[in-house]
Amino acid sequence: MAAGITKTGDEWRLSDVIQGVAIDSRLVKPGYIFVAIPGAISDGHAFVEDAINRGAVAIVGEHPLNLPVPYFQVESSRRAAAELSAAYYHYPSRDLVTIGVTGTNGKTSVVYWLTALVRAGGISAGMISSVVNDTGNRVRNSILTTPESPELQRQLWEMRQNGATHAVVEVSSHGIAQRRVDEIGWDLAVLTNITREHLDFHGTMENYVATKAKLFQRLPADSLGAVLNADNRYSDVVREGLVCPVVTYGLEAGDVRTEILEATAWGSRVRIDAGQGRPIEAQLNHPGQYNVYNLTAAVTAALALGVSPEVIQRVIPELPGVPGRMQVLQQPGQPTVIVDYAHTPDGLTQSLITVRKMVEGRVWLVFGARGGRDRGKRPEMGRVAATLADCVVLTADSPNDEEPDAIAEAIREGIDTVDPAKLIKIELDRARAIHWVVKEAQATDCVLITGRGPEPYQYFHGRRVVLKDSDVALDALGERVRKGADGVGIH
């Protein structure tokens, strides 16, 4: 076993000599395997020498290389990274009931709420989400929606070490396409919805949907099965060819059906009929129809995992808010400020419809678009903004390697096709934009800040800027209170 690693067919065998697996040479320590992955920006093969200098005892890659340490050439480095990571951590998902939650919008809320429901039902569950990762005795902020395979397998291993029996994992389309989740034996998978997103990466909606469907295609016939949104038109595509059990949910159709008995600006009283006799009736203290869908997805999955209807009914009113998801910031006598992650045309539509019901005054929208992402959605988001908001202020999101003014211009083009008068200002400094809007808004108005949610940084051509929308908004509200602002700005 050269350097503690051998490969026979598709199976890797690692000895105790191996101390870890890394796909970033900067993370390599003595005894590590370094997997060189070709990327869109840089090629991991260029960092092989660095990895060896840092103590890598074996290298895995796709290119022919002549190295002083054992080298394994493979067809897919990403596939190998997933296999090696799972092998190093002794295949932790085999000892866990693993639940994957995917979709365009709502994934994080469903992960949060499903975790809360199963824990209330006496199940020890860990959680991996785009906001935090909770392995049972340690909670960390997330960097990626779905971690790269070495980190993902490590967190599953940590859950198992901490006594968890279940893992609820937010699964992005990138995580599926880049094979980060390949070596997880899924027991249950949930689809929230599919709308336009990530076409810069997937190319077409057909490719995007097909990528999402791969998660469900990995479910075996004897698994707990697939939970699909019956009201989303792409669920029929995802369902094609599945061998696992399927249960559907929705407000208009589905095996599990939710009726909104009463909706207010701040929540909904719902009745969920799962065909189990007495329906579940409870108050959901989170606004918007989209959150009713998120709840129904979480409840359907919880029932499949054996949580009783009685527990679910008791817990629904106590379900936690998710940081940066319709996060309401209020000061007496001041405008309502809401921070939300909405970053797709559909997500922005749902957020604006929900916010419109919360206030008597105008709805101010502060947003931009991520650089290096689906450029075609920018004019579409502009049209949504001009249709549903009263006042729009364009600003920078995380431009990455694009110019912020070019991104704003693409959004403005969409606004102009609906109502150019809705665009009040373009202020590319996001903190200044938030302060300006909070200052100008009246006490009866709402300021909706979208696109970044709880993210703590912006990125400009590789430069990282510390900026958290909720912190800036709270500072702006505090400044307004200190100055005794009465909302006498634009009328």
Protein backbone atom coordinates (compact mmCIF):
# COMPACT_ATOMS: atom_id res chain seq x y z
CA MET A 1 0.00 0.00 0.00
CA ALA A 2 2.11 2.85 -1.35
CA ALA A 3 1.96 5.86 0.94
CA GLY A 4 -1.08 4.33 2.67
CA ILE A 5 -3.36 4.43 -0.37
CA THR A 6 -4.41 1.89 -3.01
CA LYS A 7 -7.15 1.77 -5.59
CA THR A 8 -8.78 -1.39 -6.89
CA GLY A 9 -11.49 -0.74 -9.44
CA ASP A 10 -13.74 1.91 -7.89
CA GLU A 11 -12.64 1.21 -4.32
CA TRP A 12 -10.03 3.20 -2.44
CA ARG A 13 -8.31 1.74 0.60
CA LEU A 14 -6.56 4.01 3.07
CA SER A 15 -4.29 3.05 5.93
CA ASP A 16 -3.78 4.89 9.19
CA VAL A 17 -0.82 6.66 7.58
CA ILE A 18 -3.28 8.98 5.82
CA GLN A 19 -4.10 12.02 7.92
CA GLY A 20 -6.65 13.74 5.71
CA VAL A 21 -7.89 14.66 2.23
CA ALA A 22 -7.72 18.15 0.73
CA ILE A 23 -8.64 19.77 -2.59
CA ASP A 24 -7.00 23.09 -1.62
CA SER A 25 -3.22 22.88 -1.36
CA ARG A 26 -3.23 25.52 1.38
CA LEU A 27 -5.12 23.08 3.61
CA VAL A 28 -2.64 20.22 3.11
CA LYS A 29 -0.82 18.95 6.19
CA PRO A 30 1.76 16.14 6.53
CA GLY A 31 0.16 12.82 5.67
CA TYR A 32 -2.61 14.28 3.50
CA ILE A 33 -3.84 13.18 0.09
CA PHE A 34 -4.14 16.13 -2.29
CA VAL A 35 -6.77 15.88 -5.02
CA ALA A 36 -6.07 18.24 -7.94
CA ILE A 37 -9.32 19.48 -9.45
CA PRO A 38 -9.54 21.44 -12.70
CA GLY A 39 -11.65 24.55 -12.05
CA ALA A 40 -13.25 27.38 -13.96
CA ILE A 41 -10.81 29.92 -12.50
CA SER A 42 -7.74 27.86 -11.57
CA ASP A 43 -6.51 24.32 -12.07
CA GLY A 44 -5.60 22.35 -8.97
CA HIS A 45 -2.84 20.58 -10.91
CA ALA A 46 -0.89 23.85 -10.79
CA PHE A 47 -0.66 23.50 -7.00
CA VAL A 48 0.60 19.93 -6.80
CA GLU A 49 4.16 21.04 -5.99
CA ASP A 50 2.85 23.26 -3.20
CA ALA A 51 0.84 20.35 -1.78
CA ILE A 52 3.90 18.09 -1.80
CA ASN A 53 5.99 20.77 -0.10
CA ARG A 54 3.33 20.96 2.60
CA GLY A 55 3.54 17.24 3.26
CA ALA A 56 1.15 15.51 0.85
CA VAL A 57 2.01 11.80 0.68
CA ALA A 58 -0.08 11.07 -2.41
CA ILE A 59 -1.60 13.05 -5.27
CA VAL A 60 -4.75 12.34 -7.25
CA GLY A 61 -5.49 14.15 -10.52
CA GLU A 62 -6.69 13.93 -14.08
CA HIS A 63 -3.52 14.90 -16.00
CA PRO A 64 -0.47 12.67 -16.64
CA LEU A 65 2.16 13.68 -14.07
CA ASN A 66 5.57 12.38 -12.98
CA LEU A 67 5.87 13.05 -9.25
CA PRO A 68 8.17 12.11 -6.33
CA VAL A 69 5.17 10.78 -4.40
CA PRO A 70 2.57 8.18 -5.47
CA TYR A 71 0.23 9.61 -8.11
CA PHE A 72 -3.15 8.26 -9.17
CA GLN A 73 -4.61 9.47 -12.44
CA VAL A 74 -8.40 9.33 -12.51
CA GLU A 75 -11.17 10.25 -14.93
CA SER A 76 -12.86 12.61 -12.47
CA SER A 77 -10.96 14.29 -9.65
CA ARG A 78 -14.20 15.48 -8.10
CA ARG A 79 -15.55 11.96 -8.01
CA ALA A 80 -12.28 10.75 -6.47
CA ALA A 81 -12.38 13.54 -3.85
CA ALA A 82 -15.83 12.39 -2.74
CA GLU A 83 -14.77 8.74 -2.65
CA LEU A 84 -11.54 9.42 -0.76
CA SER A 85 -13.20 11.74 1.73
CA ALA A 86 -15.91 9.20 2.49
CA ALA A 87 -13.32 6.45 2.84
CA TYR A 88 -11.13 8.53 5.16
CA TYR A 89 -14.07 9.21 7.48
CA HIS A 90 -15.28 5.58 7.27
CA TYR A 91 -18.43 6.34 5.28
CA PRO A 92 -20.35 8.21 7.97
CA SER A 93 -23.59 8.48 6.00
CA ARG A 94 -23.98 4.71 6.22
CA ASP A 95 -24.64 5.11 9.94
CA LEU A 96 -26.99 8.10 9.51
CA VAL A 97 -30.45 8.63 8.10
CA THR A 98 -29.57 11.32 5.56
CA ILE A 99 -32.12 13.80 4.23
CA GLY A 100 -31.23 16.05 1.30
CA VAL A 101 -33.19 19.24 0.67
CA THR A 102 -32.83 20.87 -2.74
CA GLY A 103 -34.65 23.43 -4.88
CA THR A 104 -34.23 27.01 -6.02
CA ASN A 105 -35.83 28.85 -3.11
CA GLY A 106 -36.73 27.82 0.43
CA LYS A 107 -34.04 25.20 0.99
CA THR A 108 -32.57 26.79 4.10
CA SER A 109 -35.94 27.37 5.78
CA VAL A 110 -36.98 23.78 5.12
CA VAL A 111 -33.67 22.49 6.53
CA TYR A 112 -34.06 24.64 9.65
CA TRP A 113 -37.67 23.69 10.22
CA LEU A 114 -37.29 20.00 9.43
CA THR A 115 -34.38 19.81 11.87
CA ALA A 116 -36.51 21.51 14.55
CA LEU A 117 -39.41 19.11 13.93
CA VAL A 118 -37.34 15.92 14.09
CA ARG A 119 -35.48 17.09 17.18
CA ALA A 120 -38.81 17.85 18.85
CA GLY A 121 -39.81 14.29 17.97
CA GLY A 122 -36.88 12.95 19.98
CA ILE A 123 -34.56 12.34 17.03
CA SER A 124 -30.92 13.42 17.33
CA ALA A 125 -30.21 15.29 14.11
CA GLY A 126 -27.39 17.36 12.71
CA MET A 127 -27.89 20.10 10.13
CA ILE A 128 -25.87 21.41 7.20
CA SER A 129 -27.22 24.61 5.63
CA SER A 130 -26.13 27.73 3.78
CA VAL A 131 -26.30 29.71 7.03
CA VAL A 132 -24.89 27.45 9.75
CA ASN A 133 -23.70 23.88 10.14
CA ASP A 134 -24.75 22.20 13.39
CA THR A 135 -23.09 18.85 14.10
CA GLY A 136 -24.61 18.35 17.53
CA ASN A 137 -22.11 20.01 19.83
CA ARG A 138 -20.67 22.62 17.51
CA VAL A 139 -22.28 25.28 15.32
CA ARG A 140 -20.25 26.96 12.58
CA ASN A 141 -21.07 29.62 10.04
CA SER A 142 -21.28 28.27 6.50
CA ILE A 143 -19.18 29.27 3.51
CA LEU A 144 -20.89 27.20 0.80
CA THR A 145 -24.49 25.98 0.68
CA THR A 146 -23.17 22.45 0.33
CA PRO A 147 -19.57 22.06 1.56
CA GLU A 148 -16.87 20.53 -0.61
CA SER A 149 -16.68 16.77 -0.14
CA PRO A 150 -13.80 16.63 2.42
CA GLU A 151 -15.57 19.10 4.70
CA LEU A 152 -18.99 17.58 4.07
CA GLN A 153 -17.83 14.08 5.00
CA ARG A 154 -16.00 15.45 8.03
CA GLN A 155 -19.16 17.11 9.30
CA LEU A 156 -21.19 13.94 8.80
CA TRP A 157 -18.50 12.04 10.70
CA GLU A 158 -18.66 14.61 13.49
CA MET A 159 -22.44 14.22 13.70
CA ARG A 160 -22.03 10.47 14.05
CA GLN A 161 -19.35 10.94 16.72
CA ASN A 162 -21.72 13.24 18.62
CA GLY A 163 -24.47 10.64 18.66
CA ALA A 164 -26.66 11.94 15.85
CA THR A 165 -28.81 9.41 14.03
CA HIS A 166 -30.03 11.78 11.30
CA ALA A 167 -28.46 14.46 9.08
CA VAL A 168 -30.48 17.14 7.30
CA VAL A 169 -28.40 18.54 4.43
CA GLU A 170 -29.06 21.52 2.15
CA VAL A 171 -28.04 20.41 -1.33
CA SER A 172 -27.25 22.97 -4.03
CA SER A 173 -27.22 22.28 -7.74
CA HIS A 174 -23.49 23.08 -7.70
CA GLY A 175 -23.03 20.49 -4.96
CA ILE A 176 -24.72 17.89 -7.16
CA ALA A 177 -23.00 18.86 -10.41
CA GLN A 178 -19.58 19.05 -8.77
CA ARG A 179 -20.10 15.64 -7.16
CA ARG A 180 -19.65 16.87 -3.60
CA VAL A 181 -22.56 14.67 -2.46
CA ASP A 182 -21.71 11.59 -4.51
CA GLU A 183 -20.68 9.40 -1.59
CA ILE A 184 -23.71 10.07 0.58
CA GLY A 185 -26.25 7.29 0.80
CA TRP A 186 -29.45 9.30 0.74
CA ASP A 187 -32.53 8.02 2.56
CA LEU A 188 -34.95 10.87 1.83
CA ALA A 189 -34.84 13.83 -0.56
CA VAL A 190 -37.04 16.94 -0.61
CA LEU A 191 -37.73 19.31 -3.51
CA THR A 192 -38.89 22.80 -2.56
CA ASN A 193 -39.41 24.27 -6.05
CA ILE A 194 -37.50 24.99 -9.24
CA THR A 195 -37.40 28.43 -10.86
CA ARG A 196 -34.77 30.23 -12.91
CA GLU A 197 -31.33 30.31 -11.29
CA HIS A 198 -27.66 29.48 -11.99
CA LEU A 199 -28.05 29.41 -15.77
CA ASP A 200 -24.55 30.84 -15.98
CA PHE A 201 -23.39 27.48 -14.63
CA HIS A 202 -25.95 25.06 -16.05
CA GLY A 203 -26.58 26.77 -19.38
CA THR A 204 -30.27 25.92 -19.73
CA MET A 205 -33.27 25.28 -17.50
CA GLU A 206 -33.32 21.72 -18.82
CA ASN A 207 -29.78 21.15 -17.55
CA TYR A 208 -30.60 22.83 -14.24
CA VAL A 209 -33.64 20.63 -13.67
CA ALA A 210 -31.74 17.52 -14.75
CA THR A 211 -29.04 18.30 -12.19
CA LYS A 212 -31.58 18.67 -9.40
CA ALA A 213 -33.19 15.40 -10.47
CA LYS A 214 -29.93 13.49 -9.96
CA LEU A 215 -30.34 13.76 -6.19
CA PHE A 216 -33.65 11.89 -6.38
CA GLN A 217 -32.41 9.37 -8.91
CA ARG A 218 -29.90 8.15 -6.32
CA LEU A 219 -32.68 7.10 -3.94
CA PRO A 220 -33.02 3.28 -3.98
CA ALA A 221 -36.35 1.47 -4.04
CA ASP A 222 -36.11 0.63 -0.34
CA SER A 223 -35.40 4.24 0.74
CA LEU A 224 -37.84 6.52 2.52
CA GLY A 225 -38.28 8.18 -0.84
CA ALA A 226 -38.81 11.53 -2.52
CA VAL A 227 -40.89 14.48 -1.27
CA LEU A 228 -41.95 16.61 -4.26
CA ASN A 229 -43.84 19.89 -4.60
CA ALA A 230 -46.97 18.97 -6.57
CA ASP A 231 -47.65 22.63 -7.38
CA ASN A 232 -44.30 23.16 -9.11
CA ARG A 233 -44.35 22.20 -12.77
CA TYR A 234 -40.85 20.74 -12.74
CA SER A 235 -41.75 18.08 -10.18
CA ASP A 236 -43.14 15.87 -12.95
CA VAL A 237 -39.76 16.03 -14.70
CA VAL A 238 -37.91 15.17 -11.48
CA ARG A 239 -40.30 12.28 -10.84
CA GLU A 240 -39.65 10.57 -14.18
CA GLY A 241 -37.87 7.25 -13.81
CA LEU A 242 -37.65 7.25 -10.01
CA VAL A 243 -37.65 3.81 -8.40
CA CYS A 244 -38.17 5.10 -4.84
CA PRO A 245 -41.47 5.85 -3.11
CA VAL A 246 -42.83 9.33 -3.88
CA VAL A 247 -45.04 11.55 -1.74
CA THR A 248 -46.21 14.94 -2.98
CA TYR A 249 -47.29 18.07 -1.15
CA GLY A 250 -48.83 21.40 -2.01
CA LEU A 251 -51.55 23.95 -1.53
CA GLU A 252 -53.39 23.13 -4.75
CA ALA A 253 -52.56 19.44 -5.11
CA GLY A 254 -50.57 16.71 -3.41
CA ASP A 255 -50.76 13.75 -1.05
CA VAL A 256 -50.16 16.20 1.80
CA ARG A 257 -52.33 19.28 1.29
CA THR A 258 -52.24 22.55 3.21
CA GLU A 259 -55.12 25.00 3.44
CA ILE A 260 -54.51 28.56 4.59
CA LEU A 261 -57.34 29.25 7.03
CA GLU A 262 -56.29 32.80 7.80
CA ALA A 263 -53.40 34.89 6.51
CA THR A 264 -52.08 38.06 8.08
CA ALA A 265 -49.11 40.20 7.24
CA TRP A 266 -47.03 38.32 9.79
CA GLY A 267 -48.14 34.71 9.50
CA SER A 268 -50.78 32.16 8.59
CA ARG A 269 -53.10 29.79 10.36
CA VAL A 270 -52.97 26.54 8.43
CA ARG A 271 -54.62 23.15 8.24
CA ILE A 272 -52.41 20.34 6.91
CA ASP A 273 -54.18 17.19 5.78
CA ALA A 274 -51.75 14.31 5.48
CA GLY A 275 -54.42 11.64 5.20
CA GLN A 276 -53.73 10.43 8.72
CA GLY A 277 -57.09 11.14 10.27
CA ARG A 278 -57.26 14.43 12.17
CA PRO A 279 -55.53 17.23 10.21
CA ILE A 280 -52.73 19.27 11.74
CA GLU A 281 -53.96 22.78 12.53
CA ALA A 282 -51.54 25.43 13.81
CA GLN A 283 -50.33 29.01 13.57
CA LEU A 284 -47.21 29.56 11.45
CA ASN A 285 -45.54 32.72 12.71
CA HIS A 286 -43.67 33.47 9.50
CA PRO A 287 -45.16 35.55 6.70
CA GLY A 288 -46.01 34.74 3.12
CA GLN A 289 -47.49 31.93 1.09
CA TYR A 290 -43.99 30.73 0.19
CA ASN A 291 -43.36 30.00 3.87
CA VAL A 292 -46.53 27.90 3.94
CA TYR A 293 -44.98 25.86 1.14
CA ASN A 294 -41.72 25.60 3.10
CA LEU A 295 -43.66 24.44 6.15
CA THR A 296 -45.60 21.85 4.16
CA ALA A 297 -42.38 20.43 2.71
CA ALA A 298 -40.84 20.18 6.18
CA VAL A 299 -43.96 18.60 7.68
CA THR A 300 -44.24 16.05 4.85
CA ALA A 301 -40.62 15.02 5.37
CA ALA A 302 -41.02 14.91 9.17
CA LEU A 303 -44.01 12.60 8.84
CA ALA A 304 -41.98 10.33 6.56
CA LEU A 305 -39.31 10.23 9.27
CA GLY A 306 -41.84 9.12 11.89
CA VAL A 307 -42.52 12.38 13.75
CA SER A 308 -46.06 12.31 15.10
CA PRO A 309 -48.73 14.80 13.96
CA GLU A 310 -49.21 15.81 17.58
CA VAL A 311 -45.58 16.84 17.95
CA ILE A 312 -45.65 18.67 14.64
CA GLN A 313 -48.77 20.63 15.59
CA ARG A 314 -47.21 21.64 18.90
CA VAL A 315 -43.92 22.77 17.36
CA ILE A 316 -45.15 24.74 14.30
CA PRO A 317 -45.86 27.97 16.24
CA GLU A 318 -42.34 27.78 17.73
CA LEU A 319 -40.41 27.25 14.49
CA PRO A 320 -37.33 29.50 14.44
CA GLY A 321 -36.65 32.30 12.04
CA VAL A 322 -33.71 31.83 9.69
CA PRO A 323 -31.08 34.61 9.78
CA GLY A 324 -31.35 36.77 6.68
CA ARG A 325 -34.65 35.24 5.58
CA MET A 326 -37.40 37.86 5.98
CA GLN A 327 -35.49 39.15 9.01
CA VAL A 328 -37.53 42.01 10.44
CA LEU A 329 -35.71 44.94 12.08
CA GLN A 330 -37.89 47.44 13.88
CA GLN A 331 -37.59 50.53 16.05
CA PRO A 332 -40.69 52.24 17.52
CA GLY A 333 -41.90 55.02 15.26
CA GLN A 334 -39.43 54.13 12.50
CA PRO A 335 -39.76 52.39 9.12
CA THR A 336 -39.88 48.62 9.11
CA VAL A 337 -36.65 47.24 7.66
CA ILE A 338 -36.52 43.68 6.33
CA VAL A 339 -33.41 41.81 5.22
CA ASP A 340 -34.02 38.89 2.89
CA TYR A 341 -31.92 36.54 0.78
CA ALA A 342 -34.19 36.74 -2.28
CA HIS A 343 -31.85 36.66 -5.26
CA THR A 344 -33.96 35.19 -8.06
CA PRO A 345 -36.92 36.70 -9.95
CA ASP A 346 -39.33 34.32 -8.23
CA GLY A 347 -37.79 34.86 -4.80
CA LEU A 348 -37.93 38.63 -5.22
CA THR A 349 -41.55 38.41 -6.35
CA GLN A 350 -42.57 36.39 -3.30
CA SER A 351 -40.71 38.71 -0.91
CA LEU A 352 -42.27 41.87 -2.37
CA ILE A 353 -45.78 40.38 -2.35
CA THR A 354 -45.31 39.44 1.30
CA VAL A 355 -43.83 42.78 2.35
CA ARG A 356 -46.59 44.71 0.58
CA LYS A 357 -49.06 43.29 3.10
CA MET A 358 -47.01 44.34 6.11
CA VAL A 359 -47.12 48.12 5.85
CA GLU A 360 -49.52 50.92 5.04
CA GLY A 361 -46.91 53.08 3.32
CA ARG A 362 -44.50 52.60 0.46
CA VAL A 363 -42.20 49.67 -0.16
CA TRP A 364 -38.58 50.68 -0.81
CA LEU A 365 -36.41 48.03 -2.41
CA VAL A 366 -32.61 48.03 -2.10
CA PHE A 367 -30.91 45.36 -4.18
CA GLY A 368 -28.37 44.42 -6.82
CA ALA A 369 -27.23 41.15 -8.41
CA ARG A 370 -24.31 38.83 -7.86
CA GLY A 371 -21.41 39.14 -10.27
CA GLY A 372 -20.42 36.12 -12.31
CA ARG A 373 -23.88 34.62 -12.02
CA ASP A 374 -26.81 34.22 -14.40
CA ARG A 375 -26.82 37.56 -16.22
CA GLY A 376 -30.09 36.88 -18.00
CA LYS A 377 -32.09 37.16 -14.80
CA ARG A 378 -30.98 40.74 -14.10
CA PRO A 379 -33.46 42.55 -16.40
CA GLU A 380 -36.14 40.14 -15.20
CA MET A 381 -35.46 41.11 -11.59
CA GLY A 382 -35.61 44.75 -12.67
CA ARG A 383 -39.07 44.18 -14.11
CA VAL A 384 -40.20 42.51 -10.88
CA ALA A 385 -38.83 45.41 -8.85
CA ALA A 386 -40.54 48.05 -10.97
CA THR A 387 -43.83 46.16 -10.88
CA LEU A 388 -44.06 45.41 -7.16
CA ALA A 389 -41.97 48.06 -5.34
CA ASP A 390 -42.78 51.74 -4.98
CA CYS A 391 -39.20 52.98 -4.84
CA VAL A 392 -36.11 51.16 -6.07
CA VAL A 393 -32.50 51.85 -5.15
CA LEU A 394 -29.91 49.84 -7.05
CA THR A 395 -26.66 48.98 -5.33
CA ALA A 396 -23.84 46.44 -5.39
CA ASP A 397 -24.38 42.89 -4.18
CA SER A 398 -21.08 41.01 -4.52
CA PRO A 399 -19.82 42.02 -7.97
CA ASN A 400 -16.92 39.56 -7.83
CA ASP A 401 -15.00 40.10 -11.10
CA GLU A 402 -17.65 42.22 -12.78
CA GLU A 403 -18.11 45.98 -12.62
CA PRO A 404 -20.95 47.02 -10.28
CA ASP A 405 -22.20 49.75 -12.59
CA ALA A 406 -22.56 47.25 -15.47
CA ILE A 407 -24.65 44.95 -13.27
CA ALA A 408 -26.83 47.88 -12.17
CA GLU A 409 -27.29 48.93 -15.79
CA ALA A 410 -28.58 45.47 -16.74
CA ILE A 411 -31.15 45.62 -13.91
CA ARG A 412 -32.09 49.19 -14.86
CA GLU A 413 -32.92 48.06 -18.38
CA GLY A 414 -35.60 45.79 -16.92
CA ILE A 415 -36.94 48.57 -14.71
CA ASP A 416 -37.20 50.93 -17.68
CA THR A 417 -39.46 48.52 -19.57
CA VAL A 418 -42.03 48.78 -16.76
CA ASP A 419 -41.71 52.16 -15.03
CA PRO A 420 -38.46 54.17 -15.02
CA ALA A 421 -39.87 56.46 -12.33
CA LYS A 422 -39.61 53.63 -9.80
CA LEU A 423 -35.80 53.90 -9.89
CA ILE A 424 -35.08 56.59 -7.31
CA LYS A 425 -31.33 56.21 -7.05
CA ILE A 426 -28.27 54.18 -8.03
CA GLU A 427 -25.79 54.06 -5.14
CA LEU A 428 -23.21 51.34 -5.62
CA ASP A 429 -21.81 51.67 -2.09
CA ARG A 430 -24.20 49.27 -0.37
CA ALA A 431 -23.81 50.67 3.14
CA ARG A 432 -24.44 54.22 1.90
CA ALA A 433 -27.45 53.02 -0.09
CA ILE A 434 -29.01 51.37 2.96
CA HIS A 435 -28.37 54.43 5.14
CA TRP A 436 -29.85 56.75 2.52
CA VAL A 437 -33.03 54.74 2.07
CA VAL A 438 -33.61 54.27 5.80
CA LYS A 439 -33.18 58.04 6.22
CA GLU A 440 -35.61 58.88 3.40
CA ALA A 441 -38.35 56.37 4.25
CA GLN A 442 -41.33 57.41 6.36
CA ALA A 443 -42.38 55.64 9.54
CA THR A 444 -45.22 53.85 7.72
CA ASP A 445 -42.90 52.60 4.95
CA CYS A 446 -40.97 49.36 4.61
CA VAL A 447 -37.39 49.07 3.44
CA LEU A 448 -36.70 45.66 1.89
CA ILE A 449 -32.99 44.82 1.43
CA THR A 450 -32.49 41.71 -0.68
CA GLY A 451 -29.86 39.50 -2.25
CA ARG A 452 -27.36 38.74 0.49
CA GLY A 453 -29.32 37.75 3.58
CA PRO A 454 -26.89 37.00 6.45
CA GLU A 455 -23.73 37.04 4.34
CA PRO A 456 -20.93 38.94 6.13
CA TYR A 457 -18.78 39.89 3.14
CA GLN A 458 -18.92 41.49 -0.29
CA TYR A 459 -16.33 40.57 -2.94
CA PHE A 460 -14.82 43.00 -5.45
CA HIS A 461 -12.20 41.59 -7.86
CA GLY A 462 -10.81 39.31 -5.16
CA ARG A 463 -11.03 41.96 -2.44
CA ARG A 464 -13.22 41.09 0.55
CA VAL A 465 -15.24 43.83 2.24
CA VAL A 466 -16.92 43.27 5.59
CA LEU A 467 -20.59 44.16 5.29
CA LYS A 468 -23.64 42.52 6.81
CA ASP A 469 -26.94 44.01 5.68
CA SER A 470 -28.70 43.63 9.03
CA ASP A 471 -25.85 45.33 10.91
CA VAL A 472 -25.84 48.27 8.50
CA ALA A 473 -29.63 48.56 8.66
CA LEU A 474 -29.65 48.54 12.45
CA ASP A 475 -26.97 51.23 12.46
CA ALA A 476 -29.04 53.29 10.02
CA LEU A 477 -32.15 52.92 12.17
CA GLY A 478 -30.16 53.91 15.25
CA GLU A 479 -28.79 56.97 13.47
CA ARG A 480 -32.29 57.96 12.44
CA VAL A 481 -33.50 57.66 16.03
CA ARG A 482 -30.56 59.69 17.34
CA LYS A 483 -31.22 62.45 14.85
CA GLY A 484 -34.93 62.42 15.49
CA ALA A 485 -35.72 61.71 11.84
CA ASP A 486 -39.38 62.02 11.00
CA GLY A 487 -39.27 60.55 7.53
CA VAL A 488 -39.53 63.85 5.69
CA GLY A 489 -37.41 62.77 2.73
CA ILE A 490 -38.91 61.94 -0.63
CA HIS A 491 -42.73 62.05 -0.75
